[in-house]
Amino acid sequence: MAFRLSHLSLALSLVALALAGVAIYRNTYEAMSKGFQTLSPEFDLLESAASILTLNNNADQQNSDSKLTQPLSPSACIFSAVRGVVNSAIDRERRMGASLIRLHFHDCFVDGCDGGVLLDDIPGSFQGEKTSPPNNNSARGFEVIEQAKQRVKDTCPNTPVSCADILAIAARDSVVKLGGQGYNVALGRRDARTANFTGALTQLPAPFDNLTVQLRKFNDKNFNAREMVALAGAHTVGFARCATVCNSNNVNPAARLQCNCSVTQNDTNLQQLDITPAVFDRVYFQDLNRNQGILFSDQVLTGNTTTAAIVTTYSNNGAVFFGDFAAAMIKMGNLPPSQGVQLEIRDVCSRVNPSSVASM
């Protein structure tokens, strides 16, 4: 009998311990769960735990779906629209990336970033920058800018963006697409209702410019020697027309040219500017250090101790070049239009709006 009572007492003790454990578990669980929801006492603990997980998963899914369906902000829509057009254009023709970078440079360096380079001539009444010698039969990519403008109008309604802004975005996206470092592009530029044919001829660096002239032209735009050399690094992508390098004033006489320089000045064949013309890299500066820069204006960067040291730095360290180039492009993209020029947001990049000052 005593044996039976002993076993019964032991069994009751074990039951009591089990109930106590359940109570502790339940209280602890409820305390931890109050941050999620208030548990009903009728819920089984396992069912309640499953319910919490389901609720949290549903909430995460709803948040994820909300992010996927949430409309882009106006600026994000603009950047996405332009990037799509630029990437497609470069996929069709790798050279286009270099052309779009150059087009932005040729816009900003003449009276600031105002879209002036995009305006078509009007016979008898207006002569723009497109037909000025540095751009005529040379600057290209105008159709890509027009396509990007139209894409923004189609996909980002009631979101005006200037053609000058599109040029800036297209240049940055081209750098990235070709392998360079990205950088921030601010929006808010306006388009000029005029252009400067003579300014394109006198303000832009020319392939025959010596180092003194180049330093002066960049200094006029508030760029120092290091920024000038960094921006010259845009020649790490792209080509020059054979008609350009066949002019002895424009070419480095030591360069190994791939063009046949007996061709006429109307020849449209191309000479690559470094040995990797489709990749944004430091090879351009390595070529300069080997005296193999193609253009005269490029090779003279090694003719001064200050600029030669910068060339060597970039030749040895592509990351430094990438960072300096990005910073210089941001600075160039902020060059303001000339004072007193009428500004607008053009509806079509190649012509001014019918009204005097207008937006889309």
Protein backbone atom coordinates (compact mmCIF):
# COMPACT_ATOMS: atom_id res chain seq x y z
CA MET A 1 0.00 0.00 0.00
CA ALA A 2 2.81 2.37 0.89
CA PHE A 3 4.45 1.53 -2.41
CA ARG A 4 1.30 2.51 -4.29
CA LEU A 5 0.95 5.79 -2.39
CA SER A 6 4.56 6.60 -3.14
CA HIS A 7 4.00 6.08 -6.87
CA LEU A 8 0.79 8.10 -6.78
CA SER A 9 2.57 10.95 -5.01
CA LEU A 10 5.35 10.88 -7.57
CA ALA A 11 2.88 10.94 -10.44
CA LEU A 12 1.00 13.88 -8.94
CA SER A 13 4.26 15.75 -8.49
CA LEU A 14 5.18 15.22 -12.13
CA VAL A 15 1.75 16.44 -13.24
CA ALA A 16 2.13 19.51 -11.06
CA LEU A 17 5.54 20.23 -12.52
CA ALA A 18 4.17 19.83 -16.05
CA LEU A 19 1.28 22.20 -15.37
CA ALA A 20 3.66 24.72 -13.86
CA GLY A 21 5.87 24.46 -16.92
CA VAL A 22 2.92 25.06 -19.22
CA ALA A 23 1.89 28.06 -17.17
CA ILE A 24 5.39 29.54 -17.28
CA TYR A 25 5.64 28.92 -21.03
CA ARG A 26 2.22 30.43 -21.63
CA ASN A 27 2.92 33.53 -19.54
CA THR A 28 6.32 34.02 -21.15
CA TYR A 29 4.94 33.53 -24.64
CA GLU A 30 2.07 35.94 -24.01
CA ALA A 31 4.46 38.56 -22.70
CA MET A 32 6.66 38.22 -25.79
CA SER A 33 3.68 38.21 -28.10
CA LYS A 34 2.03 41.41 -26.92
CA GLY A 35 4.12 43.40 -29.35
CA PHE A 36 2.40 41.54 -32.22
CA GLN A 37 -1.20 41.18 -31.03
CA THR A 38 -3.41 40.51 -28.01
CA LEU A 39 -3.95 36.77 -27.69
CA SER A 40 -7.39 35.41 -26.93
CA PRO A 41 -7.38 32.93 -24.03
CA GLU A 42 -9.34 30.50 -26.19
CA PHE A 43 -6.45 30.19 -28.71
CA ASP A 44 -4.23 27.17 -28.43
CA LEU A 45 -0.59 28.26 -28.08
CA LEU A 46 0.61 26.52 -31.25
CA GLU A 47 -2.32 27.88 -33.24
CA SER A 48 -1.63 31.35 -31.89
CA ALA A 49 2.02 31.13 -32.87
CA ALA A 50 1.07 30.02 -36.38
CA SER A 51 -1.42 32.90 -36.60
CA ILE A 52 1.24 35.46 -35.64
CA LEU A 53 3.62 34.13 -38.28
CA THR A 54 0.87 34.25 -40.88
CA LEU A 55 -0.08 37.79 -39.94
CA ASN A 56 3.53 38.93 -40.11
CA ASN A 57 4.12 37.21 -43.44
CA ASN A 58 0.97 38.79 -44.83
CA ALA A 59 2.10 42.20 -43.62
CA ASP A 60 5.53 41.73 -45.20
CA GLN A 61 3.91 40.63 -48.45
CA GLN A 62 1.58 43.62 -48.42
CA ASN A 63 4.52 45.95 -47.81
CA SER A 64 6.46 44.29 -50.62
CA ASP A 65 3.51 44.51 -53.00
CA SER A 66 3.05 48.17 -52.03
CA LYS A 67 6.67 48.91 -52.88
CA LEU A 68 6.33 47.16 -56.22
CA THR A 69 3.17 49.02 -57.21
CA GLN A 70 4.01 52.40 -55.69
CA PRO A 71 4.48 55.01 -58.45
CA LEU A 72 7.98 56.38 -58.97
CA SER A 73 8.67 59.88 -57.73
CA PRO A 74 8.83 62.50 -60.51
CA SER A 75 12.63 62.64 -60.46
CA ALA A 76 12.98 58.85 -60.32
CA CYS A 77 10.63 58.55 -63.28
CA ILE A 78 12.76 60.99 -65.28
CA PHE A 79 16.01 59.19 -64.48
CA SER A 80 14.49 55.79 -65.30
CA ALA A 81 13.05 56.98 -68.61
CA VAL A 82 16.31 58.56 -69.79
CA ARG A 83 18.41 55.61 -68.65
CA GLY A 84 16.26 53.19 -70.63
CA VAL A 85 16.72 55.15 -73.85
CA VAL A 86 20.45 55.67 -73.32
CA ASN A 87 21.16 52.03 -72.50
CA SER A 88 19.22 50.87 -75.55
CA ALA A 89 21.10 53.31 -77.78
CA ILE A 90 24.48 52.12 -76.49
CA ASP A 91 23.43 48.49 -76.86
CA ARG A 92 22.74 49.22 -80.53
CA GLU A 93 25.98 51.15 -81.01
CA ARG A 94 28.66 51.14 -78.34
CA ARG A 95 30.22 54.32 -79.71
CA MET A 96 27.07 56.28 -78.83
CA GLY A 97 28.07 56.41 -75.17
CA ALA A 98 31.18 58.45 -75.95
CA SER A 99 29.16 60.69 -78.26
CA LEU A 100 26.62 61.49 -75.52
CA ILE A 101 29.37 62.33 -73.02
CA ARG A 102 30.93 64.65 -75.58
CA LEU A 103 27.58 66.24 -76.44
CA HIS A 104 27.04 67.22 -72.79
CA PHE A 105 30.57 68.65 -72.65
CA HIS A 106 30.03 70.66 -75.83
CA ASP A 107 26.78 72.01 -74.42
CA CYS A 108 28.09 73.09 -71.02
CA PHE A 109 31.40 74.53 -72.18
CA VAL A 110 29.69 77.06 -74.42
CA ASP A 111 27.82 79.59 -72.28
CA GLY A 112 26.88 77.01 -69.64
CA CYS A 113 24.58 73.98 -69.57
CA ASP A 114 21.63 75.39 -71.49
CA GLY A 115 20.87 72.89 -74.27
CA GLY A 116 22.14 75.37 -76.86
CA VAL A 117 24.04 72.71 -78.78
CA LEU A 118 20.75 70.96 -79.59
CA LEU A 119 19.08 73.79 -81.52
CA ASP A 120 18.73 73.41 -85.28
CA ASP A 121 19.69 76.23 -87.60
CA ILE A 122 16.87 78.22 -89.19
CA PRO A 123 18.06 79.35 -92.62
CA GLY A 124 18.09 83.10 -92.91
CA SER A 125 17.24 83.80 -89.28
CA PHE A 126 19.20 81.65 -86.81
CA GLN A 127 22.59 79.97 -86.81
CA GLY A 128 23.16 77.65 -83.87
CA GLU A 129 26.08 75.67 -82.50
CA LYS A 130 25.42 72.46 -84.42
CA THR A 131 27.06 73.80 -87.58
CA SER A 132 29.97 75.51 -85.85
CA PRO A 133 33.24 73.81 -86.93
CA PRO A 134 33.83 71.91 -83.64
CA ASN A 135 30.36 70.31 -83.96
CA ASN A 136 29.58 70.21 -87.66
CA ASN A 137 29.62 66.62 -88.97
CA SER A 138 31.16 65.64 -85.65
CA ALA A 139 28.82 66.07 -82.67
CA ARG A 140 26.23 63.31 -82.64
CA GLY A 141 23.56 61.66 -80.51
CA PHE A 142 20.92 64.36 -81.03
CA GLU A 143 18.28 61.78 -81.90
CA VAL A 144 18.92 59.92 -78.63
CA ILE A 145 18.28 63.10 -76.64
CA GLU A 146 15.04 63.68 -78.56
CA GLN A 147 13.97 60.09 -77.88
CA ALA A 148 14.74 60.47 -74.19
CA LYS A 149 12.76 63.71 -74.08
CA GLN A 150 9.76 62.00 -75.67
CA ARG A 151 10.07 59.01 -73.33
CA VAL A 152 9.92 61.32 -70.31
CA LYS A 153 6.83 63.05 -71.73
CA ASP A 154 5.15 59.70 -72.37
CA THR A 155 5.96 57.97 -69.09
CA CYS A 156 6.24 60.84 -66.61
CA PRO A 157 3.23 63.08 -67.35
CA ASN A 158 3.18 66.57 -65.88
CA THR A 159 6.87 66.26 -65.01
CA PRO A 160 8.74 68.94 -66.97
CA VAL A 161 12.44 68.32 -67.56
CA SER A 162 14.74 70.46 -69.66
CA CYS A 163 16.77 69.21 -72.57
CA ALA A 164 19.88 70.41 -70.73
CA ASP A 165 18.95 68.11 -67.84
CA ILE A 166 18.49 65.20 -70.23
CA LEU A 167 21.95 65.85 -71.68
CA ALA A 168 23.43 65.72 -68.18
CA ILE A 169 21.62 62.50 -67.27
CA ALA A 170 22.51 60.87 -70.59
CA ALA A 171 26.21 61.65 -70.12
CA ARG A 172 26.25 60.17 -66.61
CA ASP A 173 24.35 57.07 -67.72
CA SER A 174 26.79 56.64 -70.61
CA VAL A 175 29.77 56.76 -68.25
CA VAL A 176 28.18 54.06 -66.09
CA LYS A 177 27.13 51.91 -69.06
CA LEU A 178 30.69 51.96 -70.41
CA GLY A 179 32.18 50.92 -67.06
CA GLY A 180 32.86 54.20 -65.26
CA GLN A 181 31.79 55.48 -61.86
CA GLY A 182 28.32 56.87 -61.31
CA TYR A 183 27.66 60.26 -59.78
CA ASN A 184 24.69 62.39 -58.78
CA VAL A 185 23.01 64.58 -61.38
CA ALA A 186 20.94 67.45 -60.04
CA LEU A 187 17.86 68.55 -61.98
CA GLY A 188 16.61 72.07 -62.55
CA ARG A 189 18.53 73.35 -65.57
CA ARG A 190 16.72 75.44 -68.17
CA ASP A 191 17.09 75.62 -71.94
CA ALA A 192 18.26 78.76 -73.68
CA ARG A 193 16.25 80.28 -76.49
CA THR A 194 19.46 81.01 -78.34
CA ALA A 195 22.84 79.46 -79.13
CA ASN A 196 26.35 80.73 -79.80
CA PHE A 197 27.95 79.72 -83.12
CA THR A 198 31.09 81.77 -82.46
CA GLY A 199 31.27 80.67 -78.84
CA ALA A 200 31.46 77.04 -79.89
CA LEU A 201 34.42 77.95 -82.09
CA THR A 202 36.30 79.93 -79.46
CA GLN A 203 35.35 78.41 -76.09
CA LEU A 204 35.67 74.68 -76.78
CA PRO A 205 39.12 73.07 -76.54
CA ALA A 206 40.41 72.13 -79.99
CA PRO A 207 42.56 69.15 -81.00
CA PHE A 208 45.35 71.55 -82.05
CA ASP A 209 45.38 73.53 -78.78
CA ASN A 210 48.66 73.57 -76.91
CA LEU A 211 48.76 73.17 -73.15
CA THR A 212 48.77 76.91 -72.41
CA VAL A 213 45.63 77.48 -74.46
CA GLN A 214 43.86 74.51 -72.87
CA LEU A 215 44.69 75.66 -69.35
CA ARG A 216 43.34 79.13 -70.19
CA LYS A 217 40.10 77.78 -71.65
CA PHE A 218 39.48 75.58 -68.63
CA ASN A 219 40.46 78.34 -66.24
CA ASP A 220 37.86 80.56 -67.93
CA LYS A 221 35.29 77.99 -66.76
CA ASN A 222 36.84 77.89 -63.25
CA PHE A 223 38.54 74.51 -63.68
CA ASN A 224 42.02 73.84 -62.36
CA ALA A 225 44.70 71.73 -64.05
CA ARG A 226 43.72 68.51 -62.29
CA GLU A 227 40.07 68.90 -63.26
CA MET A 228 41.13 69.64 -66.84
CA VAL A 229 43.19 66.45 -67.06
CA ALA A 230 40.37 64.45 -65.48
CA LEU A 231 37.85 65.74 -68.04
CA ALA A 232 40.30 65.05 -70.87
CA GLY A 233 40.05 61.45 -69.69
CA ALA A 234 36.68 61.27 -71.46
CA HIS A 235 38.85 60.41 -74.46
CA THR A 236 39.29 56.97 -72.92
CA VAL A 237 36.16 56.12 -74.89
CA GLY A 238 35.22 56.90 -78.46
CA PHE A 239 36.78 57.78 -81.76
CA ALA A 240 38.06 60.71 -83.79
CA ARG A 241 37.19 61.14 -87.44
CA CYS A 242 40.05 60.32 -89.77
CA ALA A 243 39.49 63.71 -91.34
CA THR A 244 40.52 65.19 -87.98
CA VAL A 245 43.64 63.13 -87.39
CA CYS A 246 44.74 63.50 -91.00
CA ASN A 247 45.40 67.16 -90.21
CA SER A 248 48.97 67.25 -88.95
CA ASN A 249 48.12 70.10 -86.58
CA ASN A 250 45.63 67.86 -84.75
CA VAL A 251 47.60 64.67 -84.30
CA ASN A 252 50.47 63.45 -82.16
CA PRO A 253 53.18 62.68 -84.76
CA ALA A 254 54.42 59.73 -82.69
CA ALA A 255 51.02 58.04 -82.48
CA ARG A 256 50.42 54.76 -84.25
CA LEU A 257 47.38 55.64 -86.33
CA GLN A 258 44.97 53.16 -87.82
CA CYS A 259 43.61 55.68 -90.31
CA ASN A 260 45.10 56.05 -93.76
CA CYS A 261 46.00 59.71 -93.61
CA SER A 262 46.10 60.15 -97.34
CA VAL A 263 42.30 60.33 -97.26
CA THR A 264 40.40 63.51 -98.02
CA GLN A 265 39.15 65.82 -95.31
CA ASN A 266 35.62 64.59 -96.00
CA ASP A 267 36.47 61.05 -94.98
CA THR A 268 34.15 59.70 -92.29
CA ASN A 269 36.23 56.71 -91.20
CA LEU A 270 37.25 56.58 -87.57
CA GLN A 271 40.37 56.40 -85.43
CA GLN A 272 39.97 55.04 -81.92
CA LEU A 273 41.23 57.38 -79.21
CA ASP A 274 42.84 54.63 -77.14
CA ILE A 275 43.22 50.89 -77.50
CA THR A 276 39.97 50.17 -75.57
CA PRO A 277 37.57 52.72 -77.10
CA ALA A 278 34.40 50.98 -75.86
CA VAL A 279 35.45 50.78 -72.19
CA PHE A 280 35.71 53.62 -69.68
CA ASP A 281 39.09 52.91 -68.07
CA ARG A 282 42.57 54.38 -67.45
CA VAL A 283 44.14 53.12 -70.67
CA TYR A 284 43.99 56.61 -72.24
CA PHE A 285 46.46 57.86 -69.62
CA GLN A 286 48.66 54.80 -70.05
CA ASP A 287 48.77 55.58 -73.77
CA LEU A 288 49.83 59.16 -72.99
CA ASN A 289 52.68 57.88 -70.83
CA ARG A 290 53.83 55.80 -73.82
CA ASN A 291 53.63 58.86 -76.09
CA GLN A 292 50.76 57.20 -77.93
CA GLY A 293 48.02 59.77 -77.35
CA ILE A 294 46.24 60.25 -80.66
CA LEU A 295 45.43 63.95 -80.58
CA PHE A 296 48.02 66.68 -80.21
CA SER A 297 45.93 68.27 -77.45
CA ASP A 298 45.97 64.99 -75.53
CA GLN A 299 49.68 64.24 -75.75
CA VAL A 300 50.73 67.75 -74.65
CA LEU A 301 49.26 66.94 -71.22
CA THR A 302 52.57 65.18 -70.53
CA GLY A 303 54.59 68.28 -71.48
CA ASN A 304 54.22 70.07 -68.15
CA THR A 305 55.44 68.77 -64.79
CA THR A 306 52.10 69.49 -63.11
CA THR A 307 49.84 67.90 -65.69
CA ALA A 308 52.31 65.08 -66.41
CA ALA A 309 52.23 64.10 -62.74
CA ILE A 310 48.42 63.96 -62.86
CA VAL A 311 48.54 61.80 -65.99
CA THR A 312 50.89 59.41 -64.19
CA THR A 313 48.62 59.29 -61.14
CA TYR A 314 45.60 58.38 -63.26
CA SER A 315 47.64 55.93 -65.30
CA ASN A 316 48.62 54.08 -62.13
CA ASN A 317 45.31 54.30 -60.27
CA GLY A 318 42.04 54.03 -62.15
CA ALA A 319 39.98 54.54 -58.98
CA VAL A 320 41.50 57.98 -58.45
CA PHE A 321 40.73 58.90 -62.05
CA PHE A 322 37.16 57.66 -61.76
CA GLY A 323 36.55 59.72 -58.63
CA ASP A 324 38.12 62.88 -60.02
CA PHE A 325 36.28 62.51 -63.31
CA ALA A 326 32.93 62.12 -61.52
CA ALA A 327 33.59 65.22 -59.40
CA ALA A 328 34.64 67.25 -62.44
CA MET A 329 31.53 66.17 -64.37
CA ILE A 330 29.30 67.30 -61.51
CA LYS A 331 31.07 70.66 -61.50
CA MET A 332 30.81 70.99 -65.28
CA GLY A 333 27.12 70.08 -65.17
CA ASN A 334 26.56 73.05 -62.87
CA LEU A 335 28.02 75.66 -65.25
CA PRO A 336 25.29 78.33 -65.42
CA PRO A 337 23.85 79.84 -68.61
CA SER A 338 24.97 83.31 -69.62
CA GLN A 339 23.32 86.14 -67.74
CA GLY A 340 20.37 87.75 -69.46
CA VAL A 341 19.60 84.79 -71.74
CA GLN A 342 15.91 83.86 -71.97
CA LEU A 343 15.35 80.38 -70.58
CA GLU A 344 12.57 77.83 -70.86
CA ILE A 345 11.91 74.10 -70.82
CA ARG A 346 11.77 73.13 -74.48
CA ASP A 347 9.01 70.85 -75.63
CA VAL A 348 11.21 69.71 -78.53
CA CYS A 349 14.95 69.87 -77.94
CA SER A 350 15.88 71.00 -81.45
CA ARG A 351 13.73 74.14 -81.45
CA VAL A 352 12.52 76.81 -79.07
CA ASN A 353 8.94 76.88 -77.86
CA PRO A 354 6.46 79.09 -79.74
CA SER A 355 5.93 81.30 -76.67
CA SER A 356 8.64 83.50 -75.23
CA VAL A 357 9.16 81.63 -71.97
CA ALA A 358 7.29 78.37 -71.46
CA SER A 359 7.32 74.96 -69.91
CA MET A 360 5.88 71.67 -71.07
